[in-house]
């Protein structure tokens, strides 16, 4: 990514642009420091991956030799040197009932027979923003650990529009990244009248963001991003409550009127829709679709605990994952309820999501790497050493007034944008210049190649949708730049090349985090583990046969039926 072409610093706003929020000066705090993790070698990576999916070495009697044999198959394919694996295995696994000689025989036998497969799937250490994923997320979540992946480059923050710079100013490190992604996700749901054309389809600017980190890591910063649009949400809900009270009063008056008067006065119309901006994550599929229908198919889910959403998805009346997937692409959603014969059709739902959660909460929301939600989210994964910060008043003034002013400014921005007159109609159209479309295509193609090489088809799906995400981020930056320059957003807006560069730089880092998430999730239907275990059993059976053991005795030790052992040995003898 060409960071040098990003805007070096946001220019001072013109005189007619006068935001009420002063520049924020961050007080000194106790710095959070952690050792930088070196890129793992092939053996360390293989051990991490294997133990993540198959667990540690089993206790005696639970297939210990099979476990080791399957590890040998895996390491052999990845190009791990036999001497390195032997040294580790003997030093870590040898015991009185599992002698070093037995370990060495198992490893050498497999490496000898599978010599042709050695290095057939070589391990390649990732560099830069794409460090390999480690097993630290499988450890206890509150254990301090080194950062896994790089955060966004400093040049990205310098090139942001003024509003985003001020929103991120009170934070640093990973918390600053959390605030940036959370604010982008919230803003993406505040301007339904802004959109454009991407890949021959009409899209709004809606984003899905998921920040993943252990407990006490600072991901709660998302709450400040949620606060930015809270005044607009409250204005909508206050108006809805007032409308409901008026309706209830009219209905009560109609019911208490005499029959003669009631026959002359028509009953009040249907209850008014309940308008809101923030949709609760603790909901059901039917309630979510009803809320979307009452809000013209739009809304924001912003939850600082992913379990709020995963808990709802796990209930009997939850399971609205398909609704989220369709809303990201503005695909039609239909609902028919038997109880009240309610039929809802949402032609172009437009939902934005901002979540934070721990690594343990991730698989409850996205059970596998092939879950459709994975490719739709903009991920940010981090760990950092928890460090006590100064909590006294001398550390700095409260942030509440600061963000209240930013929230009031956002409310004025929302009011200044024209309203969308129908689903899919965008009075404010965002587009890119031809060279910037080419930059997006080039970056997307390179990202796709990388994702396919690292994570296969699941990585390819994420890379495809990261292109759409990059376009949406560029659209949001263009809109904010319009306000910064004192212009009323209307008609066609062409993105500044520097803002396109910022969006692509964000995506470059986000891709590395997405690949880390894919490494955390299992792949359904993946038979690699089962195949490796079976291959280990077969290899062990042949070794025991070479030592003079009978078929039934081998079957008892390996844990398979004796006819299976006989078939393996006949194949070997033949």
Protein backbone atom coordinates (compact mmCIF):
# COMPACT_ATOMS: atom_id res chain seq x y z
CA UNK A 1 0.00 0.00 0.00
CA UNK A 2 1.37 3.40 -0.96
CA UNK A 3 1.24 5.09 2.42
CA UNK A 4 3.41 7.96 1.18
CA UNK A 5 0.59 9.24 -0.97
CA UNK A 6 -1.80 9.50 1.95
CA UNK A 7 -2.65 12.96 3.16
CA UNK A 8 0.12 13.94 5.56
CA UNK A 9 -2.17 15.96 7.80
CA UNK A 10 -5.72 17.15 7.66
CA UNK A 11 -5.79 20.85 6.72
CA UNK A 12 -7.29 23.34 9.10
CA UNK A 13 -11.06 23.75 8.65
CA UNK A 14 -12.16 26.87 6.76
CA UNK A 15 -13.59 29.78 8.77
CA UNK A 16 -17.22 28.87 7.98
CA UNK A 17 -16.69 25.37 9.42
CA UNK A 18 -16.73 25.77 13.17
CA UNK A 19 -17.18 22.54 15.09
CA UNK A 20 -17.84 23.07 18.77
CA UNK A 21 -15.38 20.41 19.84
CA UNK A 22 -11.95 21.73 20.80
CA UNK A 23 -8.80 19.81 20.08
CA UNK A 24 -8.25 17.11 22.65
CA UNK A 25 -4.95 16.85 24.47
CA UNK A 26 -4.49 13.35 25.84
CA UNK A 27 -3.19 13.26 29.42
CA UNK A 28 -0.12 11.25 30.22
CA UNK A 29 -0.89 7.70 31.23
CA UNK A 30 1.10 4.68 32.17
CA UNK A 31 2.14 3.25 28.83
CA UNK A 32 1.09 -0.24 27.96
CA UNK A 33 4.08 -2.11 26.73
CA UNK A 34 4.52 -5.69 25.67
CA UNK A 35 7.34 -7.59 24.02
CA UNK A 36 7.06 -7.90 20.29
CA UNK A 37 6.53 -11.50 19.25
CA UNK A 38 9.02 -12.81 16.72
CA UNK A 39 7.74 -14.62 13.64
CA UNK A 40 7.46 -18.33 14.52
CA UNK A 41 9.51 -20.94 12.71
CA UNK A 42 7.98 -23.91 10.94
CA UNK A 43 8.10 -26.26 13.95
CA UNK A 44 6.60 -23.73 16.34
CA UNK A 45 3.85 -22.91 13.84
CA UNK A 46 3.06 -26.61 13.28
CA UNK A 47 2.89 -27.27 17.02
CA UNK A 48 0.58 -24.30 17.51
CA UNK A 49 -1.75 -25.29 14.70
CA UNK A 50 -1.79 -28.98 15.57
CA UNK A 51 -2.38 -28.52 19.30
CA UNK A 52 -5.04 -25.91 18.61
CA UNK A 53 -7.09 -28.41 16.59
CA UNK A 54 -6.15 -31.71 18.30
CA UNK A 55 -5.21 -30.73 21.84
CA UNK A 56 -2.00 -31.54 23.72
CA UNK A 57 -0.34 -34.94 23.95
CA UNK A 58 -2.93 -37.37 25.36
CA UNK A 59 -2.44 -39.22 28.63
CA UNK A 60 -1.29 -42.86 28.48
CA UNK A 61 -3.92 -45.16 27.02
CA UNK A 62 -5.68 -42.45 24.99
CA UNK A 63 -3.88 -42.74 21.66
CA UNK A 64 -0.63 -41.05 22.55
CA UNK A 65 1.33 -42.74 19.74
CA UNK A 66 -1.41 -42.02 17.22
CA UNK A 67 -1.33 -38.37 18.23
CA UNK A 68 2.43 -38.25 17.71
CA UNK A 69 2.21 -40.07 14.37
CA UNK A 70 -0.36 -37.63 13.03
CA UNK A 71 1.84 -34.74 14.19
CA UNK A 72 4.73 -36.28 12.27
CA UNK A 73 2.65 -36.47 9.08
CA UNK A 74 1.67 -32.82 9.48
CA UNK A 75 5.22 -31.59 10.21
CA UNK A 76 6.66 -33.65 7.37
CA UNK A 77 4.31 -32.04 4.85
CA UNK A 78 5.18 -28.60 6.19
CA UNK A 79 8.88 -29.18 5.75
CA UNK A 80 9.92 -29.44 9.42
CA UNK A 81 13.32 -31.09 9.72
CA UNK A 82 13.24 -34.54 11.32
CA UNK A 83 16.06 -33.60 13.70
CA UNK A 84 14.10 -30.57 14.96
CA UNK A 85 10.93 -32.58 15.52
CA UNK A 86 12.83 -35.42 17.22
CA UNK A 87 14.61 -32.99 19.54
CA UNK A 88 11.32 -31.37 20.55
CA UNK A 89 9.37 -34.62 20.89
CA UNK A 90 12.00 -36.40 22.98
CA UNK A 91 12.51 -33.38 25.19
CA UNK A 92 8.80 -32.70 25.68
CA UNK A 93 7.01 -36.06 25.44
CA UNK A 94 9.45 -38.76 26.61
CA UNK A 95 8.45 -40.56 29.81
CA UNK A 96 9.05 -43.87 31.54
CA UNK A 97 6.13 -45.45 29.69
CA UNK A 98 6.84 -43.52 26.47
CA UNK A 99 10.60 -43.88 25.95
CA UNK A 100 12.67 -41.77 23.60
CA UNK A 101 13.45 -44.85 21.49
CA UNK A 102 9.76 -45.41 20.74
CA UNK A 103 9.29 -41.74 19.87
CA UNK A 104 12.28 -41.77 17.53
CA UNK A 105 11.13 -44.97 15.80
CA UNK A 106 7.68 -43.52 15.17
CA UNK A 107 8.98 -40.26 13.76
CA UNK A 108 11.72 -41.81 11.65
CA UNK A 109 9.40 -44.44 10.25
CA UNK A 110 6.90 -41.86 9.06
CA UNK A 111 9.53 -39.49 7.69
CA UNK A 112 11.15 -42.39 5.80
CA UNK A 113 7.95 -43.74 4.25
CA UNK A 114 6.60 -40.27 3.47
CA UNK A 115 9.84 -38.80 2.17
CA UNK A 116 8.16 -37.89 -1.13
CA UNK A 117 5.65 -35.71 0.72
CA UNK A 118 8.25 -33.79 2.71
CA UNK A 119 7.72 -30.05 2.23
CA UNK A 120 4.78 -30.58 -0.13
CA UNK A 121 2.81 -27.95 1.81
CA UNK A 122 5.62 -25.69 2.98
CA UNK A 123 5.21 -23.29 5.85
CA UNK A 124 5.83 -19.64 4.97
CA UNK A 125 6.32 -17.15 7.78
CA UNK A 126 4.18 -14.07 7.31
CA UNK A 127 5.77 -10.66 7.69
CA UNK A 128 4.82 -7.01 8.13
CA UNK A 129 1.17 -6.58 9.05
CA UNK A 130 0.55 -10.29 8.57
CA UNK A 131 2.16 -12.09 11.50
CA UNK A 132 1.28 -15.72 12.00
CA UNK A 133 -1.50 -16.52 14.43
CA UNK A 134 -0.45 -18.19 17.68
CA UNK A 135 -2.20 -20.34 20.22
CA UNK A 136 -2.36 -17.51 22.73
CA UNK A 137 -6.06 -17.03 22.04
CA UNK A 138 -6.58 -20.63 23.11
CA UNK A 139 -5.00 -19.86 26.45
CA UNK A 140 -6.80 -18.40 29.42
CA UNK A 141 -8.25 -15.15 28.14
CA UNK A 142 -6.95 -12.88 30.89
CA UNK A 143 -3.37 -14.03 30.51
CA UNK A 144 -1.07 -11.25 29.30
CA UNK A 145 0.36 -11.88 25.87
CA UNK A 146 2.28 -10.07 23.20
CA UNK A 147 0.44 -8.30 20.38
CA UNK A 148 -0.49 -10.63 17.54
CA UNK A 149 -0.81 -8.22 14.66
CA UNK A 150 0.14 -4.70 13.79
CA UNK A 151 -2.30 -1.89 14.32
CA UNK A 152 -3.09 0.67 11.64
CA UNK A 153 -0.15 2.77 10.43
CA UNK A 154 0.24 6.22 12.00
CA UNK A 155 -0.11 7.77 8.54
CA UNK A 156 -3.67 6.47 8.37
CA UNK A 157 -4.68 8.41 11.47
CA UNK A 158 -2.95 11.55 10.20
CA UNK A 159 -4.89 11.34 6.94
CA UNK A 160 -8.35 10.91 8.48
CA UNK A 161 -11.01 13.62 8.19
CA UNK A 162 -11.07 16.05 11.09
CA UNK A 163 -14.13 14.51 12.78
CA UNK A 164 -12.52 11.07 12.96
CA UNK A 165 -9.24 12.52 14.16
CA UNK A 166 -10.98 14.26 17.04
CA UNK A 167 -13.01 11.14 17.89
CA UNK A 168 -9.81 9.07 18.12
CA UNK A 169 -7.67 11.72 19.82
CA UNK A 170 -8.29 10.66 23.47
CA UNK A 171 -6.94 7.17 22.81
CA UNK A 172 -3.75 5.51 21.68
CA UNK A 173 -2.54 2.09 20.62
CA UNK A 174 -5.15 -0.58 20.16
CA UNK A 175 -7.84 1.49 21.88
CA UNK A 176 -7.42 4.11 19.16
CA UNK A 177 -7.97 1.42 16.53
CA UNK A 178 -11.08 0.21 18.36
CA UNK A 179 -12.43 3.74 18.39
CA UNK A 180 -11.71 4.22 14.69
CA UNK A 181 -13.44 1.03 13.57
CA UNK A 182 -16.32 1.50 15.99
CA UNK A 183 -16.90 5.07 14.83
CA UNK A 184 -16.77 4.06 11.17
CA UNK A 185 -19.35 1.32 11.83
CA UNK A 186 -21.66 3.69 13.70
CA UNK A 187 -21.34 6.42 11.07
CA UNK A 188 -22.08 3.89 8.33
CA UNK A 189 -25.59 3.47 9.74
CA UNK A 190 -26.31 7.18 10.15
CA UNK A 191 -26.48 8.23 6.49
CA UNK A 192 -28.91 5.96 4.59
CA UNK A 193 -29.21 8.50 1.76
CA UNK A 194 -25.53 8.11 0.81
CA UNK A 195 -24.47 5.27 -1.47
CA UNK A 196 -23.34 4.42 -4.95
CA UNK A 197 -22.50 1.69 -7.42
CA UNK A 198 -19.97 -1.04 -6.77
CA UNK A 199 -19.52 -4.09 -8.99
CA UNK A 200 -22.69 -3.28 -10.98
CA UNK A 201 -24.87 -3.12 -7.85
CA UNK A 202 -26.25 -0.33 -5.69
CA UNK A 203 -24.90 -0.25 -2.15
CA UNK A 204 -25.11 1.93 0.92
CA UNK A 205 -22.15 2.53 3.21
CA UNK A 206 -23.06 0.02 5.94
CA UNK A 207 -20.19 -1.74 7.73
CA UNK A 208 -19.91 -4.74 10.06
CA UNK A 209 -17.02 -4.44 12.57
CA UNK A 210 -15.93 -6.97 15.20
CA UNK A 211 -13.13 -6.22 17.68
CA UNK A 212 -11.74 -9.36 19.37
CA UNK A 213 -9.49 -9.22 22.43
CA UNK A 214 -9.17 -10.85 25.85
CA UNK A 215 -10.86 -9.35 28.87
CA UNK A 216 -9.48 -6.10 30.28
CA UNK A 217 -7.81 -5.15 27.01
CA UNK A 218 -9.50 -1.81 26.35
CA UNK A 219 -12.05 -2.94 23.77
CA UNK A 220 -14.78 -1.24 25.82
CA UNK A 221 -13.72 1.95 24.03
CA UNK A 222 -16.51 1.04 21.60
CA UNK A 223 -18.98 2.54 24.09
CA UNK A 224 -17.69 6.02 23.21
CA UNK A 225 -18.34 5.37 19.53
CA UNK A 226 -21.90 4.34 20.38
CA UNK A 227 -22.36 7.57 22.32
CA UNK A 228 -21.76 9.64 19.17
CA UNK A 229 -25.12 8.76 17.61
CA UNK A 230 -27.05 8.42 20.86
CA UNK A 231 -28.70 11.89 20.70
CA UNK A 232 -30.13 11.05 17.28
CA UNK A 233 -31.34 7.68 18.57
CA UNK A 234 -32.96 9.34 21.59
CA UNK A 235 -34.70 11.93 19.43
CA UNK A 236 -36.22 9.13 17.33
CA UNK A 237 -37.36 7.10 20.34
CA UNK A 238 -38.79 10.17 22.12
CA UNK A 239 -40.83 11.04 19.04
CA UNK A 240 -41.98 7.42 18.76
CA UNK A 241 -43.12 7.34 22.39
CA UNK A 242 -45.05 10.57 21.94
CA UNK A 243 -46.74 9.20 18.82
CA UNK A 244 -47.65 5.99 20.66
CA UNK A 245 -49.16 7.98 23.54
CA UNK A 246 -51.27 10.00 21.09
CA UNK A 247 -52.43 6.80 19.41
CA UNK A 248 -53.33 5.19 22.74
CA UNK A 249 -55.31 8.29 23.72
CA UNK A 250 -57.24 8.27 20.42
CA UNK A 251 -57.95 4.56 20.74
CA UNK A 252 -59.15 4.92 24.33
CA UNK A 253 -61.42 7.82 23.34
CA UNK A 254 -62.87 5.78 20.49
CA UNK A 255 -63.57 2.79 22.75
CA UNK A 256 -65.22 4.90 25.45
CA UNK A 257 -67.43 6.80 23.00
CA UNK A 258 -71.00 5.74 22.67
CA UNK A 259 -72.06 3.47 19.86
CA UNK A 260 -73.72 6.32 18.03
CA UNK A 261 -70.62 8.52 18.14
CA UNK A 262 -68.34 5.61 17.37
CA UNK A 263 -70.28 4.88 14.22
CA UNK A 264 -69.68 8.45 13.05
CA UNK A 265 -66.01 8.56 13.97
CA UNK A 266 -63.62 6.13 12.27
CA UNK A 267 -61.26 4.22 14.55
CA UNK A 268 -57.67 5.43 14.69
CA UNK A 269 -55.28 4.07 12.11
CA UNK A 270 -52.73 1.33 12.83
CA UNK A 271 -50.25 1.98 15.64
CA UNK A 272 -47.41 4.27 14.55
CA UNK A 273 -44.04 2.65 13.82
CA UNK A 274 -41.51 2.73 16.60
CA UNK A 275 -38.52 4.55 15.17
CA UNK A 276 -35.03 4.02 16.55
CA UNK A 277 -31.44 4.05 15.36
CA UNK A 278 -29.85 1.45 17.66
CA UNK A 279 -31.47 -1.96 17.42
CA UNK A 280 -30.95 -4.23 20.45
CA UNK A 281 -28.79 -7.29 19.94
CA UNK A 282 -30.82 -9.22 22.50
CA UNK A 283 -33.74 -9.93 20.20
CA UNK A 284 -35.45 -12.60 18.13
CA UNK A 285 -35.55 -13.07 14.38
CA UNK A 286 -39.17 -11.88 14.18
CA UNK A 287 -38.57 -8.89 16.47
CA UNK A 288 -35.50 -7.84 14.50
CA UNK A 289 -37.32 -7.99 11.18
CA UNK A 290 -40.27 -6.08 12.65
CA UNK A 291 -37.92 -3.40 13.99
CA UNK A 292 -36.22 -3.14 10.59
CA UNK A 293 -39.60 -2.85 8.88
CA UNK A 294 -40.65 -0.02 11.21
CA UNK A 295 -37.36 1.78 10.53
CA UNK A 296 -37.46 1.59 6.73
CA UNK A 297 -35.16 -1.44 6.80
CA UNK A 298 -32.34 0.42 8.55
CA UNK A 299 -30.60 0.38 11.91
CA UNK A 300 -27.39 -0.12 13.89
CA UNK A 301 -26.47 -2.94 16.25
CA UNK A 302 -23.75 -1.77 18.63
CA UNK A 303 -22.91 -4.12 21.49
CA UNK A 304 -19.84 -4.09 23.72
CA UNK A 305 -20.41 -7.75 24.58
CA UNK A 306 -20.74 -10.11 21.62
CA UNK A 307 -22.58 -12.59 23.86
CA UNK A 308 -25.58 -10.27 23.75
CA UNK A 309 -25.91 -11.14 20.10
CA UNK A 310 -24.71 -14.74 20.26
CA UNK A 311 -27.09 -15.46 23.12
CA UNK A 312 -30.01 -14.26 21.02
CA UNK A 313 -28.85 -16.33 18.04
CA UNK A 314 -28.80 -19.41 20.25
CA UNK A 315 -32.40 -19.13 21.49
CA UNK A 316 -35.31 -21.08 20.06
CA UNK A 317 -36.66 -17.97 18.37
CA UNK A 318 -33.30 -16.48 17.47
CA UNK A 319 -31.32 -17.74 14.51
CA UNK A 320 -31.34 -14.48 12.57
CA UNK A 321 -27.84 -14.97 11.21
CA UNK A 322 -29.38 -15.14 7.74
CA UNK A 323 -30.98 -11.74 8.32
CA UNK A 324 -27.58 -10.23 9.14
CA UNK A 325 -25.96 -11.81 6.10
CA UNK A 326 -28.66 -10.54 3.76
CA UNK A 327 -28.69 -7.07 5.31
CA UNK A 328 -24.99 -6.61 4.59
CA UNK A 329 -25.69 -7.05 0.86
CA UNK A 330 -29.11 -5.29 0.96
CA UNK A 331 -30.77 -8.55 -0.14
CA UNK A 332 -34.56 -8.94 0.30
CA UNK A 333 -35.87 -10.42 3.57
CA UNK A 334 -39.36 -11.88 4.06
CA UNK A 335 -41.17 -12.99 7.20
CA UNK A 336 -44.51 -14.75 7.65
CA UNK A 337 -45.69 -15.41 11.19
CA UNK A 338 -48.43 -17.95 11.77
CA UNK A 339 -49.78 -16.52 15.02
CA UNK A 340 -50.93 -13.13 13.75
CA UNK A 341 -50.56 -13.83 10.00
CA UNK A 342 -48.05 -11.00 9.80
CA UNK A 343 -46.20 -10.78 6.50
CA UNK A 344 -43.18 -8.51 6.20
CA UNK A 345 -41.14 -7.80 3.10
CA UNK A 346 -37.92 -5.82 3.35
CA UNK A 347 -36.78 -4.95 -0.15
CA UNK A 348 -33.36 -3.49 0.74
CA UNK A 349 -32.42 -3.89 4.41
CA UNK A 350 -29.37 -1.86 5.43
CA UNK A 351 -27.88 -2.82 8.78
CA UNK A 352 -24.64 -1.67 10.42
CA UNK A 353 -22.98 -3.67 13.22
CA UNK A 354 -20.25 -2.86 15.74
CA UNK A 355 -19.27 -5.57 18.23
CA UNK A 356 -16.54 -6.30 20.70
CA UNK A 357 -15.93 -9.68 22.27
CA UNK A 358 -13.40 -12.14 23.59
CA UNK A 359 -11.87 -14.94 21.52
CA UNK A 360 -14.12 -17.43 23.27
CA UNK A 361 -17.21 -15.57 22.08
CA UNK A 362 -16.16 -15.68 18.42
CA UNK A 363 -17.10 -19.31 17.63
CA UNK A 364 -20.49 -18.85 19.26
CA UNK A 365 -21.29 -16.17 16.71
CA UNK A 366 -19.40 -17.71 13.79
CA UNK A 367 -19.04 -21.47 14.37
CA UNK A 368 -16.76 -22.12 11.41
CA UNK A 369 -14.51 -20.43 8.89
CA UNK A 370 -17.13 -21.05 6.21
CA UNK A 371 -19.88 -19.22 8.07
CA UNK A 372 -21.16 -16.44 5.82
CA UNK A 373 -20.85 -13.85 8.56
CA UNK A 374 -17.06 -14.18 8.69
CA UNK A 375 -16.47 -12.67 5.27
CA UNK A 376 -18.81 -9.76 5.98
CA UNK A 377 -17.06 -8.43 9.08
CA UNK A 378 -14.18 -6.01 9.39
CA UNK A 379 -12.08 -7.65 12.13
CA UNK A 380 -9.52 -6.26 14.51
CA UNK A 381 -7.74 -8.78 16.75
CA UNK A 382 -5.29 -7.85 19.48
CA UNK A 383 -3.78 -8.72 22.83
CA UNK A 384 -1.93 -6.39 25.14
CA UNK A 385 -0.52 -6.52 28.63
CA UNK A 386 -3.05 -5.05 31.09
CA UNK A 387 -1.42 -2.07 32.80
CA UNK A 388 -2.93 0.06 35.53
CA UNK A 389 -3.76 3.60 34.45
CA UNK A 390 -4.01 6.68 36.59
CA UNK A 391 -7.68 6.89 37.65
CA UNK A 392 -7.38 10.08 39.68
CA UNK A 393 -8.82 13.44 38.51
CA UNK A 394 -5.28 14.60 37.79
CA UNK A 395 -5.14 12.14 34.85
CA UNK A 396 -7.40 14.44 32.85
CA UNK A 397 -10.92 15.80 32.55
CA UNK A 398 -13.94 13.51 32.01
CA UNK A 399 -14.54 12.47 28.42
CA UNK A 400 -18.33 12.80 28.64
CA UNK A 401 -18.54 16.51 27.74
CA UNK A 402 -16.00 16.04 24.97
CA UNK A 403 -17.99 13.28 23.28
CA UNK A 404 -21.30 15.04 23.92
CA UNK A 405 -20.05 17.89 21.73
CA UNK A 406 -18.96 15.45 19.05
CA UNK A 407 -22.36 13.78 19.25
CA UNK A 408 -24.14 17.11 18.80
CA UNK A 409 -21.97 17.76 15.75
CA UNK A 410 -22.89 14.38 14.26
CA UNK A 411 -26.57 15.11 14.87
CA UNK A 412 -26.25 18.26 12.78
CA UNK A 413 -24.49 16.28 10.04
CA UNK A 414 -27.32 13.74 9.95
CA UNK A 415 -29.89 16.52 9.65
CA UNK A 416 -27.94 18.14 6.79
CA UNK A 417 -28.02 15.05 4.54
CA UNK A 418 -31.10 14.66 2.29
CA UNK A 419 -33.49 11.87 3.15
CA UNK A 420 -33.72 8.80 0.94
CA UNK A 421 -37.12 8.79 -0.73
CA UNK A 422 -37.17 5.06 -1.43
CA UNK A 423 -35.10 1.96 -0.83
CA UNK A 424 -32.07 1.94 -3.05
CA UNK A 425 -32.34 5.62 -3.90
CA UNK A 426 -29.25 7.60 -2.96
CA UNK A 427 -29.60 11.37 -3.31
CA UNK A 428 -25.90 11.58 -2.41
CA UNK A 429 -23.86 9.44 -4.79
CA UNK A 430 -20.25 8.51 -3.96
CA UNK A 431 -17.92 7.50 -6.77
CA UNK A 432 -14.22 7.19 -7.48
CA UNK A 433 -12.07 8.61 -10.24
CA UNK A 434 -10.94 6.12 -12.89
CA UNK A 435 -7.36 5.86 -11.50
CA UNK A 436 -8.75 5.18 -8.03
CA UNK A 437 -11.02 2.42 -9.35
CA UNK A 438 -7.89 0.90 -10.85
CA UNK A 439 -6.08 1.20 -7.50
CA UNK A 440 -8.97 -0.58 -5.81
CA UNK A 441 -8.96 -3.34 -8.44
CA UNK A 442 -5.20 -3.82 -8.17
CA UNK A 443 -5.24 -3.91 -4.37
CA UNK A 444 -8.23 -6.26 -4.39
CA UNK A 445 -6.55 -8.70 -6.79
CA UNK A 446 -3.36 -8.75 -4.71
CA UNK A 447 -5.36 -9.24 -1.51
CA UNK A 448 -7.33 -12.07 -3.09
CA UNK A 449 -4.15 -13.91 -4.11
CA UNK A 450 -2.76 -13.57 -0.59
CA UNK A 451 -5.99 -14.68 1.10
CA UNK A 452 -6.39 -17.71 -1.16
CA UNK A 453 -2.81 -18.77 -0.53
CA UNK A 454 -3.16 -18.45 3.25
CA UNK A 455 -6.76 -19.53 3.94
CA UNK A 456 -8.17 -21.06 0.77
CA UNK A 457 -11.78 -20.48 -0.20
CA UNK A 458 -12.74 -18.93 3.13
CA UNK A 459 -9.94 -16.40 2.72
CA UNK A 460 -11.09 -15.69 -0.82
CA UNK A 461 -14.61 -14.85 0.37
CA UNK A 462 -13.24 -12.38 2.90
CA UNK A 463 -10.96 -10.80 0.28
CA UNK A 464 -13.86 -10.31 -2.14
CA UNK A 465 -15.99 -8.51 0.43
CA UNK A 466 -13.08 -6.47 1.76
CA UNK A 467 -13.15 -4.73 -1.61
CA UNK A 468 -16.74 -3.63 -0.93
CA UNK A 469 -15.75 -2.64 2.61
CA UNK A 470 -12.88 -0.51 1.26
CA UNK A 471 -15.27 1.25 -1.11
CA UNK A 472 -17.71 1.90 1.73
CA UNK A 473 -14.96 3.30 3.97
CA UNK A 474 -13.84 5.58 1.14
CA UNK A 475 -17.45 6.77 0.84
CA UNK A 476 -17.64 7.60 4.54
CA UNK A 477 -14.35 9.49 4.42
CA UNK A 478 -15.61 11.42 1.38
CA UNK A 479 -18.81 12.37 3.19
CA UNK A 480 -16.94 13.55 6.28
CA UNK A 481 -14.52 15.49 4.10
CA UNK A 482 -17.50 17.25 2.57
CA UNK A 483 -18.66 18.45 5.99
CA UNK A 484 -15.10 19.39 6.90
CA UNK A 485 -14.94 21.65 3.86
CA UNK A 486 -18.21 23.33 4.79
CA UNK A 487 -20.16 21.85 1.86
CA UNK A 488 -23.67 20.46 1.98
CA UNK A 489 -23.53 16.86 0.71
CA UNK A 490 -25.76 16.47 -2.29
CA UNK A 491 -25.58 15.01 -5.75
CA UNK A 492 -22.41 13.30 -6.90
CA UNK A 493 -19.33 13.23 -4.65
CA UNK A 494 -16.01 12.02 -6.04
CA UNK A 495 -13.66 10.58 -3.44
CA UNK A 496 -10.35 12.32 -2.86
CA UNK A 497 -7.46 10.04 -3.96
CA UNK A 498 -5.91 10.47 -0.51
CA UNK A 499 -9.10 9.16 1.13
CA UNK A 500 -9.12 6.19 -1.23
CA UNK A 501 -5.52 5.52 -0.19
CA UNK A 502 -6.54 5.70 3.46
CA UNK A 503 -9.34 3.18 2.89
CA UNK A 504 -7.00 0.80 1.09
CA UNK A 505 -4.40 1.12 3.84
CA UNK A 506 -7.05 0.24 6.41
CA UNK A 507 -8.02 -2.79 4.37
CA UNK A 508 -4.42 -3.94 4.08
CA UNK A 509 -4.22 -4.26 7.87
CA UNK A 510 -7.78 -5.55 8.17
CA UNK A 511 -7.00 -8.40 5.77
CA UNK A 512 -4.24 -9.66 8.06
CA UNK A 513 -6.66 -9.60 10.99
CA UNK A 514 -9.31 -11.43 8.97
CA UNK A 515 -6.83 -14.17 8.13
CA UNK A 516 -5.97 -14.45 11.83
CA UNK A 517 -9.66 -14.92 12.61
CA UNK A 518 -9.97 -17.61 9.96
CA UNK A 519 -7.08 -19.42 11.64
CA UNK A 520 -9.05 -19.40 14.88
CA UNK A 521 -12.10 -21.10 13.38
CA UNK A 522 -12.56 -24.73 12.31
CA UNK A 523 -13.49 -25.66 8.76
CA UNK A 524 -16.56 -27.92 8.49
CA UNK A 525 -16.04 -31.04 6.48
CA UNK A 526 -12.28 -30.78 6.79
CA UNK A 527 -11.06 -34.37 6.90
CA UNK A 528 -7.41 -33.51 7.37
CA UNK A 529 -7.48 -34.31 11.08
CA UNK A 530 -9.32 -37.58 10.61
CA UNK A 531 -7.04 -38.60 7.77
CA UNK A 532 -3.93 -37.80 9.77
CA UNK A 533 -5.21 -39.82 12.72
CA UNK A 534 -6.01 -42.79 10.48
CA UNK A 535 -2.62 -42.53 8.80
CA UNK A 536 -0.96 -42.49 12.19
CA UNK A 537 -2.83 -45.63 13.24
CA UNK A 538 -1.82 -47.41 10.05
CA UNK A 539 1.81 -46.38 10.48
CA UNK A 540 1.78 -47.57 14.09
CA UNK A 541 0.26 -50.91 13.05
CA UNK A 542 3.04 -51.50 10.54
CA UNK A 543 5.72 -50.64 13.09
CA UNK A 544 4.24 -53.07 15.63
CA UNK A 545 4.01 -55.75 12.93
CA UNK A 546 7.70 -55.24 12.18
CA UNK A 547 8.38 -55.83 15.87
CA UNK A 548 6.71 -59.25 15.64
CA UNK A 549 3.30 -58.55 17.21
CA UNK A 550 0.21 -60.41 15.98
CA UNK A 551 -2.77 -58.87 14.23
CA UNK A 552 -5.13 -59.01 17.20
CA UNK A 553 -2.53 -57.64 19.59
CA UNK A 554 -1.79 -54.81 17.18
CA UNK A 555 -5.50 -54.07 16.85
CA UNK A 556 -5.84 -53.83 20.62
CA UNK A 557 -2.94 -51.40 20.92
CA UNK A 558 -3.87 -49.24 17.93
CA UNK A 559 -7.59 -49.15 18.76
CA UNK A 560 -9.10 -50.48 15.52
CA UNK A 561 -10.78 -53.72 14.47
CA UNK A 562 -8.38 -56.60 13.72
CA UNK A 563 -9.76 -56.97 10.18
CA UNK A 564 -8.67 -53.39 9.47
CA UNK A 565 -5.17 -54.22 10.68
CA UNK A 566 -5.13 -57.34 8.52
CA UNK A 567 -6.13 -55.28 5.46
CA UNK A 568 -3.36 -52.76 6.13
CA UNK A 569 -0.76 -55.49 6.48
CA UNK A 570 -1.91 -57.40 3.40
CA UNK A 571 -1.59 -54.17 1.44
CA UNK A 572 1.92 -53.75 2.78
CA UNK A 573 2.91 -57.33 2.00
CA UNK A 574 1.41 -57.10 -1.48
